[in-house]
Amino acid sequence: MNVIINLQIINPTIYMLIIIITIFCILIKPSASSLSPPIYPHTTIEEYLKELQIPLENHYVTTSDGYILNIHRLPNPNATKTIFLQHGILASSWCWLSSSQYAPAVLLYRQGYEIFLGNNRGNIFSTNHTYFKTDSKEFWNFTFDDMAHYDLPAMLTYTSKFIRNEEKKMTYIAWSQGTTQFFILGSDNNNNLLKNNIDLFIALSPVAYVKSTKSLLLEAVSKFKLGKILEEYYPYGLFEFGPTLDAIETFLCKITFGFVCKIGVDSVCGIADNDSDAQVERLTTHFPAGTSAKDFNHYEQFMEKDPAFFGRYDYGEEGNMKEYGMKTPPIYNISSYFMNTGVKIAMFRGADDILVEESDYKLLREKLTDEVIVFENIYPQQSHVTWFVGKPGLKWLDDMMMVIKKESCNVRIS
């Protein structure tokens, strides 16, 4: 049964909660840290990489449903391997670069790999469409399901043209929602794209089930149906305003002396001793980077359904019949995931990750056979976001480099 909400009769407490959460999201933007090179809201990715003496190319690919996506390439003429990196929700290719010489993309590039950084529809680098305008409802009518079925195939197909190694395959590394996209893509029967182009999937903070999340912000979103409210009354983009909003957020965070920034990230991702305050500041200088209200609502549906659910967007019985030809949304079948593709999986999770709670992770892991898992480890004192804000010298980086070099060898750390 569809629920119609009249904003005029909503309890003022809920109004206040929406305002508080909105302000909270704005305030998690800190000022630039003293690490080199400095990073500011107005810093472009071109300027930043030039300081690191890393070349950059902008490439553009159009999805079959008309979205124009910006892929950042770090060309390496002597590369022995091509690696594609995919960001999470509300993020962009910046997340792989923000921690300077300690950034995953920078470290991988300097290890001799060629790097491609994807950007999903709706973030600050991918706000164009062949016929929809960015201020239209039609442009923002998407979730990570569309990113999985349209964005990822378009970006991976395009990137595959640049592969130079003998096996003609690349490694796919993803964080959070970027892993969700790949799990969805891998659950489809048509896996030729993966079979022909991907040899290894490295999942950082893998996300499928979020029924038991302990993230304070996501719990509030679910409890007060904020995703549904936003989609119904503001079916547009969230936090995709770029440098202007970044500058405002930086100022607001400065006057709180960085305290709100750390609290914001901790409440969403978890508190971890191995997270660096300075790196949190750098990451959030270009985060959030935009997505749709519907994207948030899709995750909210995952949290609300019982038992744990990992499937397509729920439009209600009537809408589902129109969209899928059935009363309930189809479930993503990841039980047979990768069995016919040859793609291996390496799973990395932080022990202090509150967004992907342990029981949700175990449920995902049960769906994946041991045959496809070549590496799995849970790292103490790491949160959902430590991969980008961690202190130097953390073990996970060495493990990731080792897995890439061994590719599909059966390597496991207990």
Protein backbone atom coordinates (compact mmCIF):
# COMPACT_ATOMS: atom_id res chain seq x y z
CA MET A 1 0.00 0.00 0.00
CA ASN A 2 1.42 3.37 -1.00
CA VAL A 3 1.90 5.84 1.85
CA ILE A 4 1.07 9.45 1.03
CA ILE A 5 2.79 11.94 3.29
CA ASN A 6 1.49 15.46 3.74
CA LEU A 7 4.39 17.67 4.79
CA GLN A 8 1.97 20.12 6.42
CA ILE A 9 0.96 17.57 9.05
CA ILE A 10 4.39 16.04 9.74
CA ASN A 11 5.34 16.32 13.39
CA PRO A 12 7.63 19.35 13.93
CA THR A 13 10.13 16.98 15.55
CA ILE A 14 10.64 15.23 12.21
CA TYR A 15 11.02 18.60 10.50
CA MET A 16 13.74 19.45 13.00
CA LEU A 17 15.45 16.09 12.53
CA ILE A 18 15.56 16.58 8.75
CA ILE A 19 17.09 20.03 9.24
CA ILE A 20 19.65 18.72 11.75
CA ILE A 21 20.72 15.86 9.50
CA THR A 22 20.98 18.20 6.51
CA ILE A 23 23.18 20.60 8.47
CA PHE A 24 25.16 17.64 9.81
CA CYS A 25 25.88 16.43 6.28
CA ILE A 26 27.01 19.90 5.27
CA LEU A 27 29.28 20.27 8.24
CA ILE A 28 31.34 17.15 7.57
CA LYS A 29 33.49 19.18 5.17
CA PRO A 30 36.77 20.25 6.75
CA SER A 31 39.53 22.56 5.71
CA ALA A 32 42.67 21.49 3.90
CA SER A 33 45.37 19.87 5.96
CA SER A 34 49.04 20.70 5.96
CA LEU A 35 50.02 17.55 4.04
CA SER A 36 51.60 18.06 0.63
CA PRO A 37 50.28 18.88 -1.84
CA PRO A 38 47.56 20.89 -0.10
CA ILE A 39 43.97 20.25 -1.12
CA TYR A 40 41.23 22.89 -1.12
CA PRO A 41 37.63 23.07 -2.36
CA HIS A 42 38.78 24.97 -5.48
CA THR A 43 41.65 22.56 -6.21
CA THR A 44 41.06 20.74 -9.50
CA ILE A 45 42.10 17.14 -9.96
CA GLU A 46 44.42 18.29 -12.77
CA GLU A 47 46.23 20.76 -10.51
CA TYR A 48 46.49 18.23 -7.72
CA LEU A 49 48.01 15.47 -9.84
CA LYS A 50 50.41 17.90 -11.48
CA GLU A 51 51.83 18.63 -8.02
CA LEU A 52 52.31 14.87 -7.56
CA GLN A 53 53.95 14.67 -11.01
CA ILE A 54 51.34 12.23 -12.26
CA PRO A 55 49.82 12.69 -15.73
CA LEU A 56 46.05 12.84 -16.17
CA GLU A 57 43.75 12.28 -19.12
CA ASN A 58 40.01 12.97 -19.15
CA HIS A 59 38.00 10.39 -21.06
CA TYR A 60 34.25 10.39 -21.62
CA VAL A 61 31.87 7.53 -22.28
CA THR A 62 28.13 7.63 -22.95
CA THR A 63 25.94 4.94 -21.40
CA SER A 64 23.22 3.22 -23.40
CA ASP A 65 20.63 5.32 -21.53
CA GLY A 66 22.38 8.62 -22.32
CA TYR A 67 24.52 9.56 -19.28
CA ILE A 68 27.94 11.00 -20.10
CA LEU A 69 30.53 9.74 -17.62
CA ASN A 70 33.99 11.17 -16.95
CA ILE A 71 36.75 8.58 -16.53
CA HIS A 72 40.13 9.74 -15.25
CA ARG A 73 43.11 7.92 -16.69
CA LEU A 74 46.60 8.01 -15.18
CA PRO A 75 48.57 6.81 -18.22
CA ASN A 76 51.66 4.72 -17.59
CA PRO A 77 53.52 3.79 -20.81
CA ASN A 78 55.41 0.96 -19.10
CA ALA A 79 52.41 -0.47 -17.24
CA THR A 80 52.30 -4.20 -16.62
CA LYS A 81 48.66 -4.17 -15.55
CA THR A 82 45.50 -2.05 -15.90
CA ILE A 83 43.53 -1.32 -12.74
CA PHE A 84 40.05 0.21 -12.61
CA LEU A 85 39.01 1.94 -9.36
CA GLN A 86 35.36 2.62 -8.52
CA HIS A 87 34.16 4.93 -5.72
CA GLY A 88 31.28 4.55 -3.27
CA ILE A 89 28.05 6.45 -2.64
CA LEU A 90 28.31 10.26 -2.64
CA ALA A 91 31.98 9.99 -3.62
CA SER A 92 33.99 10.51 -6.80
CA SER A 93 37.41 9.65 -8.21
CA TRP A 94 38.82 12.13 -5.65
CA CYS A 95 38.52 9.51 -2.89
CA TRP A 96 41.29 7.41 -4.45
CA LEU A 97 43.63 10.43 -4.62
CA SER A 98 43.01 12.69 -1.62
CA SER A 99 45.59 11.20 0.76
CA SER A 100 48.51 12.41 -1.36
CA GLN A 101 51.47 10.01 -1.61
CA TYR A 102 49.56 7.51 0.56
CA ALA A 103 46.50 7.45 -1.73
CA PRO A 104 45.64 4.04 -3.23
CA ALA A 105 45.64 5.34 -6.82
CA VAL A 106 48.98 7.10 -6.32
CA LEU A 107 50.62 4.05 -4.73
CA LEU A 108 49.32 1.75 -7.47
CA TYR A 109 50.47 4.12 -10.21
CA ARG A 110 53.95 4.29 -8.71
CA GLN A 111 54.05 0.50 -8.57
CA GLY A 112 53.90 0.53 -12.36
CA TYR A 113 50.18 0.09 -13.01
CA GLU A 114 47.96 2.05 -15.38
CA ILE A 115 45.03 3.53 -13.47
CA PHE A 116 41.48 4.31 -14.55
CA LEU A 117 39.15 6.08 -12.09
CA GLY A 118 35.42 5.74 -12.68
CA ASN A 119 32.73 8.32 -11.90
CA ASN A 120 29.09 7.29 -11.62
CA ARG A 121 26.18 9.29 -12.99
CA GLY A 122 25.22 12.24 -10.83
CA ASN A 123 28.53 12.98 -9.14
CA ILE A 124 30.46 16.21 -9.78
CA PHE A 125 32.32 14.74 -12.77
CA SER A 126 29.35 13.07 -14.46
CA THR A 127 26.48 15.57 -14.64
CA ASN A 128 25.78 15.54 -18.37
CA HIS A 129 23.22 13.66 -20.43
CA THR A 130 22.49 13.44 -24.13
CA TYR A 131 19.02 14.94 -23.66
CA PHE A 132 18.06 15.30 -19.96
CA LYS A 133 19.04 18.52 -18.19
CA THR A 134 20.67 18.24 -14.77
CA ASP A 135 17.85 20.20 -13.10
CA SER A 136 15.20 17.77 -14.37
CA LYS A 137 13.56 14.95 -12.40
CA GLU A 138 14.30 12.60 -15.27
CA PHE A 139 18.07 13.06 -14.90
CA TRP A 140 18.00 12.02 -11.22
CA ASN A 141 15.70 9.02 -11.67
CA PHE A 142 18.34 6.39 -10.88
CA THR A 143 19.83 4.18 -8.18
CA PHE A 144 22.93 2.01 -7.93
CA ASP A 145 20.97 -0.58 -9.93
CA ASP A 146 21.27 1.71 -12.97
CA MET A 147 24.92 2.35 -12.16
CA ALA A 148 25.47 -1.42 -12.19
CA HIS A 149 23.56 -2.14 -15.39
CA TYR A 150 24.58 0.94 -17.40
CA ASP A 151 27.50 2.90 -15.90
CA LEU A 152 29.80 0.04 -15.01
CA PRO A 153 29.47 -1.88 -18.30
CA ALA A 154 30.05 1.32 -20.28
CA MET A 155 33.15 2.29 -18.27
CA LEU A 156 34.66 -1.21 -18.20
CA THR A 157 34.05 -1.79 -21.90
CA TYR A 158 35.72 1.51 -22.72
CA THR A 159 38.67 0.85 -20.41
CA SER A 160 39.21 -2.64 -21.85
CA LYS A 161 40.40 -1.03 -25.10
CA PHE A 162 43.51 0.20 -23.28
CA ILE A 163 44.59 -3.10 -21.73
CA ARG A 164 48.10 -4.02 -22.83
CA ASN A 165 49.01 -7.07 -20.75
CA GLU A 166 49.09 -10.48 -22.44
CA GLU A 167 45.96 -11.80 -20.75
CA LYS A 168 43.98 -8.74 -21.87
CA LYS A 169 42.30 -8.45 -18.47
CA MET A 170 42.18 -5.79 -15.77
CA THR A 171 41.78 -5.77 -12.00
CA TYR A 172 38.67 -4.07 -10.59
CA ILE A 173 39.02 -2.43 -7.16
CA ALA A 174 35.94 -0.92 -5.54
CA TRP A 175 34.84 0.60 -2.28
CA SER A 176 31.39 0.40 -0.68
CA GLN A 177 28.71 1.13 -3.32
CA GLY A 178 31.29 0.40 -6.02
CA THR A 179 31.28 -3.19 -4.74
CA THR A 180 27.47 -3.22 -4.72
CA GLN A 181 27.52 -2.35 -8.41
CA PHE A 182 29.89 -5.20 -9.20
CA PHE A 183 27.92 -7.75 -7.18
CA ILE A 184 24.80 -6.75 -9.12
CA LEU A 185 26.60 -6.92 -12.45
CA GLY A 186 28.01 -10.33 -11.52
CA SER A 187 24.55 -11.63 -10.59
CA ASP A 188 23.31 -11.22 -14.17
CA ASN A 189 23.34 -14.24 -16.46
CA ASN A 190 25.21 -12.33 -19.15
CA ASN A 191 28.71 -12.28 -17.71
CA ASN A 192 30.75 -12.10 -20.91
CA LEU A 193 31.91 -8.61 -20.01
CA LEU A 194 33.44 -9.90 -16.78
CA LYS A 195 34.69 -13.16 -18.27
CA ASN A 196 36.54 -11.40 -21.07
CA ASN A 197 37.88 -8.36 -19.22
CA ILE A 198 38.25 -8.88 -15.44
CA ASP A 199 40.53 -11.32 -13.65
CA LEU A 200 40.33 -10.03 -10.07
CA PHE A 201 37.80 -8.09 -7.98
CA ILE A 202 39.17 -6.43 -4.84
CA ALA A 203 36.27 -5.46 -2.56
CA LEU A 204 37.01 -2.81 0.09
CA SER A 205 34.17 -2.63 2.63
CA PRO A 206 31.91 -4.82 0.46
CA VAL A 207 28.24 -3.82 0.62
CA ALA A 208 25.26 -5.97 -0.25
CA TYR A 209 23.12 -6.44 2.86
CA VAL A 210 22.71 -3.52 5.30
CA LYS A 211 19.87 -4.84 7.44
CA SER A 212 21.95 -4.69 10.63
CA THR A 213 23.92 -1.50 9.99
CA LYS A 214 25.00 0.40 13.10
CA SER A 215 25.71 3.61 11.19
CA LEU A 216 23.93 6.32 13.19
CA LEU A 217 23.05 8.37 10.13
CA LEU A 218 21.69 5.38 8.18
CA GLU A 219 19.70 4.24 11.20
CA ALA A 220 18.11 7.71 11.41
CA VAL A 221 17.43 7.71 7.67
CA SER A 222 15.67 4.35 7.96
CA LYS A 223 13.74 5.13 11.16
CA PHE A 224 12.27 8.37 9.88
CA LYS A 225 11.91 7.27 6.21
CA LEU A 226 14.07 10.16 5.09
CA GLY A 227 15.06 8.48 1.84
CA LYS A 228 11.42 7.98 0.89
CA ILE A 229 10.52 11.54 1.88
CA LEU A 230 13.39 13.00 -0.10
CA GLU A 231 12.60 10.97 -3.20
CA GLU A 232 8.91 11.83 -3.08
CA TYR A 233 9.25 15.57 -2.41
CA TYR A 234 12.73 16.29 -3.79
CA PRO A 235 13.44 13.75 -6.58
CA TYR A 236 16.65 15.47 -7.61
CA GLY A 237 20.36 15.37 -6.79
CA LEU A 238 21.93 15.56 -3.34
CA PHE A 239 25.22 17.37 -2.58
CA GLU A 240 26.38 17.71 -6.19
CA PHE A 241 27.08 21.46 -6.15
CA GLY A 242 30.86 21.25 -6.45
CA PRO A 243 33.32 23.99 -5.35
CA THR A 244 30.66 26.49 -4.21
CA LEU A 245 29.18 24.14 -1.63
CA ASP A 246 32.67 22.87 -0.83
CA ALA A 247 33.81 26.37 0.10
CA ILE A 248 30.79 26.95 2.35
CA GLU A 249 31.27 23.61 4.05
CA THR A 250 34.97 24.25 4.56
CA PHE A 251 34.22 27.56 6.29
CA LEU A 252 31.56 26.00 8.50
CA CYS A 253 33.90 23.22 9.50
CA LYS A 254 36.72 25.63 10.27
CA ILE A 255 34.66 27.45 12.86
CA THR A 256 34.07 24.13 14.67
CA PHE A 257 37.85 23.46 14.71
CA GLY A 258 37.39 20.21 12.81
CA PHE A 259 35.43 18.54 15.60
CA VAL A 260 32.20 18.20 13.62
CA CYS A 261 34.13 16.78 10.66
CA LYS A 262 35.49 13.87 12.66
CA ILE A 263 32.21 13.24 14.45
CA GLY A 264 30.38 13.21 11.12
CA VAL A 265 32.63 10.61 9.55
CA ASP A 266 32.82 8.49 12.70
CA SER A 267 29.04 8.32 13.09
CA VAL A 268 28.62 7.09 9.53
CA CYS A 269 31.68 4.86 9.08
CA GLY A 270 32.86 3.87 12.57
CA ILE A 271 35.54 5.01 15.01
CA ALA A 272 38.94 3.46 14.32
CA ASP A 273 42.36 4.13 15.84
CA ASN A 274 44.02 3.74 12.46
CA ASP A 275 42.05 6.62 10.91
CA SER A 276 44.02 9.87 10.60
CA ASP A 277 42.23 13.14 11.39
CA ALA A 278 44.39 14.94 8.83
CA GLN A 279 43.41 12.46 6.12
CA VAL A 280 39.74 12.71 7.07
CA GLU A 281 40.01 16.45 6.45
CA ARG A 282 41.56 15.89 3.04
CA LEU A 283 38.99 13.30 1.96
CA THR A 284 36.00 15.41 2.92
CA THR A 285 37.30 18.47 1.10
CA HIS A 286 35.74 16.95 -2.04
CA PHE A 287 33.08 14.83 -0.37
CA PRO A 288 30.12 14.53 -0.67
CA ALA A 289 30.21 14.66 -4.46
CA GLY A 290 26.57 13.98 -5.32
CA THR A 291 24.00 11.29 -6.05
CA SER A 292 20.21 11.03 -6.33
CA ALA A 293 17.62 10.92 -3.56
CA LYS A 294 16.38 7.67 -5.13
CA ASP A 295 19.82 6.13 -4.67
CA PHE A 296 19.56 6.72 -0.92
CA ASN A 297 16.02 5.36 -0.86
CA HIS A 298 17.12 2.10 -2.48
CA TYR A 299 19.50 1.43 0.43
CA GLU A 300 16.77 2.49 2.84
CA GLN A 301 14.57 -0.26 1.37
CA PHE A 302 17.35 -2.77 2.12
CA MET A 303 17.33 -1.70 5.77
CA GLU A 304 13.54 -1.91 6.11
CA LYS A 305 12.84 -5.29 4.52
CA ASP A 306 12.74 -8.47 6.58
CA PRO A 307 14.44 -10.87 6.10
CA ALA A 308 17.62 -9.28 4.77
CA PHE A 309 17.11 -8.18 1.19
CA PHE A 310 19.44 -7.57 -1.76
CA GLY A 311 17.38 -6.83 -4.85
CA ARG A 312 16.08 -4.29 -7.32
CA TYR A 313 14.21 -1.11 -6.43
CA ASP A 314 10.77 -1.64 -4.91
CA TYR A 315 8.07 0.46 -6.62
CA GLY A 316 5.18 -1.16 -4.74
CA GLU A 317 3.03 -3.97 -6.15
CA GLU A 318 1.50 -1.96 -8.98
CA GLY A 319 4.78 -0.30 -9.93
CA ASN A 320 6.67 -3.58 -9.73
CA MET A 321 4.19 -5.26 -12.08
CA LYS A 322 4.72 -2.45 -14.56
CA GLU A 323 8.52 -2.42 -14.18
CA TYR A 324 9.33 -6.12 -13.65
CA GLY A 325 6.16 -8.05 -14.47
CA MET A 326 5.92 -9.32 -10.89
CA LYS A 327 4.56 -8.02 -7.58
CA THR A 328 7.89 -8.02 -5.76
CA PRO A 329 11.25 -6.72 -7.00
CA PRO A 330 13.66 -9.36 -8.36
CA ILE A 331 16.42 -10.56 -6.02
CA TYR A 332 20.03 -10.27 -7.12
CA ASN A 333 21.28 -13.83 -7.42
CA ILE A 334 24.83 -13.71 -6.14
CA SER A 335 24.90 -17.34 -5.04
CA SER A 336 26.21 -18.35 -8.47
CA TYR A 337 28.35 -15.25 -8.64
CA PHE A 338 31.45 -15.50 -10.83
CA MET A 339 31.20 -19.28 -11.13
CA ASN A 340 31.29 -19.07 -14.91
CA THR A 341 33.45 -15.99 -15.31
CA GLY A 342 36.82 -16.95 -13.89
CA VAL A 343 36.85 -13.72 -11.87
CA LYS A 344 38.37 -14.13 -8.40
CA ILE A 345 37.47 -12.06 -5.34
CA ALA A 346 39.60 -10.55 -2.57
CA MET A 347 37.57 -9.33 0.43
CA PHE A 348 38.87 -6.54 2.70
CA ARG A 349 36.83 -5.39 5.72
CA GLY A 350 37.57 -3.16 8.71
CA ALA A 351 36.72 -4.66 12.12
CA ASP A 352 35.36 -1.27 13.27
CA ASP A 353 33.17 -0.76 10.20
CA ILE A 354 29.69 0.08 11.54
CA LEU A 355 28.11 0.70 8.14
CA VAL A 356 28.64 -2.93 7.07
CA GLU A 357 27.96 -4.77 10.31
CA GLU A 358 29.51 -8.21 10.86
CA SER A 359 26.26 -10.18 10.43
CA ASP A 360 25.54 -8.46 7.10
CA TYR A 361 29.06 -9.20 5.92
CA LYS A 362 28.72 -12.86 6.93
CA LEU A 363 25.45 -13.13 5.03
CA LEU A 364 27.16 -11.84 1.90
CA ARG A 365 30.11 -14.14 2.44
CA GLU A 366 27.80 -17.16 2.72
CA LYS A 367 26.50 -16.38 -0.77
CA LEU A 368 29.98 -16.57 -2.26
CA THR A 369 31.66 -19.94 -2.74
CA ASP A 370 35.18 -20.59 -1.48
CA GLU A 371 36.17 -21.34 -5.06
CA VAL A 372 36.04 -17.68 -6.05
CA ILE A 373 37.58 -16.22 -2.87
CA VAL A 374 41.36 -16.01 -3.17
CA PHE A 375 41.89 -13.66 -0.24
CA GLU A 376 39.91 -12.54 2.79
CA ASN A 377 40.88 -10.54 5.83
CA ILE A 378 39.28 -8.40 8.51
CA TYR A 379 41.59 -5.65 9.74
CA PRO A 380 41.53 -4.49 13.38
CA GLN A 381 41.16 -0.78 14.17
CA GLN A 382 39.90 0.04 10.66
CA SER A 383 36.57 1.60 9.74
CA HIS A 384 34.47 1.71 6.57
CA VAL A 385 36.68 4.48 5.21
CA THR A 386 40.19 3.67 6.50
CA TRP A 387 41.29 2.77 2.96
CA PHE A 388 41.40 6.53 2.24
CA VAL A 389 42.05 8.11 5.63
CA GLY A 390 44.30 5.55 7.29
CA LYS A 391 47.66 6.21 8.86
CA PRO A 392 50.75 5.38 6.74
CA GLY A 393 52.08 1.84 6.61
CA LEU A 394 48.88 -0.14 7.28
CA LYS A 395 49.03 -3.84 6.46
CA TRP A 396 46.06 -3.85 4.10
CA LEU A 397 48.02 -1.92 1.49
CA ASP A 398 50.76 -4.55 1.40
CA ASP A 399 48.12 -7.27 1.21
CA MET A 400 46.38 -5.56 -1.70
CA MET A 401 49.66 -5.21 -3.63
CA MET A 402 50.45 -8.86 -2.95
CA VAL A 403 47.04 -10.06 -4.17
CA ILE A 404 47.29 -8.02 -7.37
CA LYS A 405 50.72 -9.43 -8.15
CA LYS A 406 49.58 -12.98 -7.53
CA GLU A 407 46.28 -12.23 -9.31
CA SER A 408 44.28 -15.43 -9.31
CA CYS A 409 46.58 -17.51 -7.13
CA ASN A 410 44.92 -19.04 -4.08
CA VAL A 411 46.20 -16.71 -1.40
CA ARG A 412 44.46 -16.44 1.95
CA ILE A 413 45.26 -14.75 5.24
CA SER A 414 43.47 -16.20 8.23
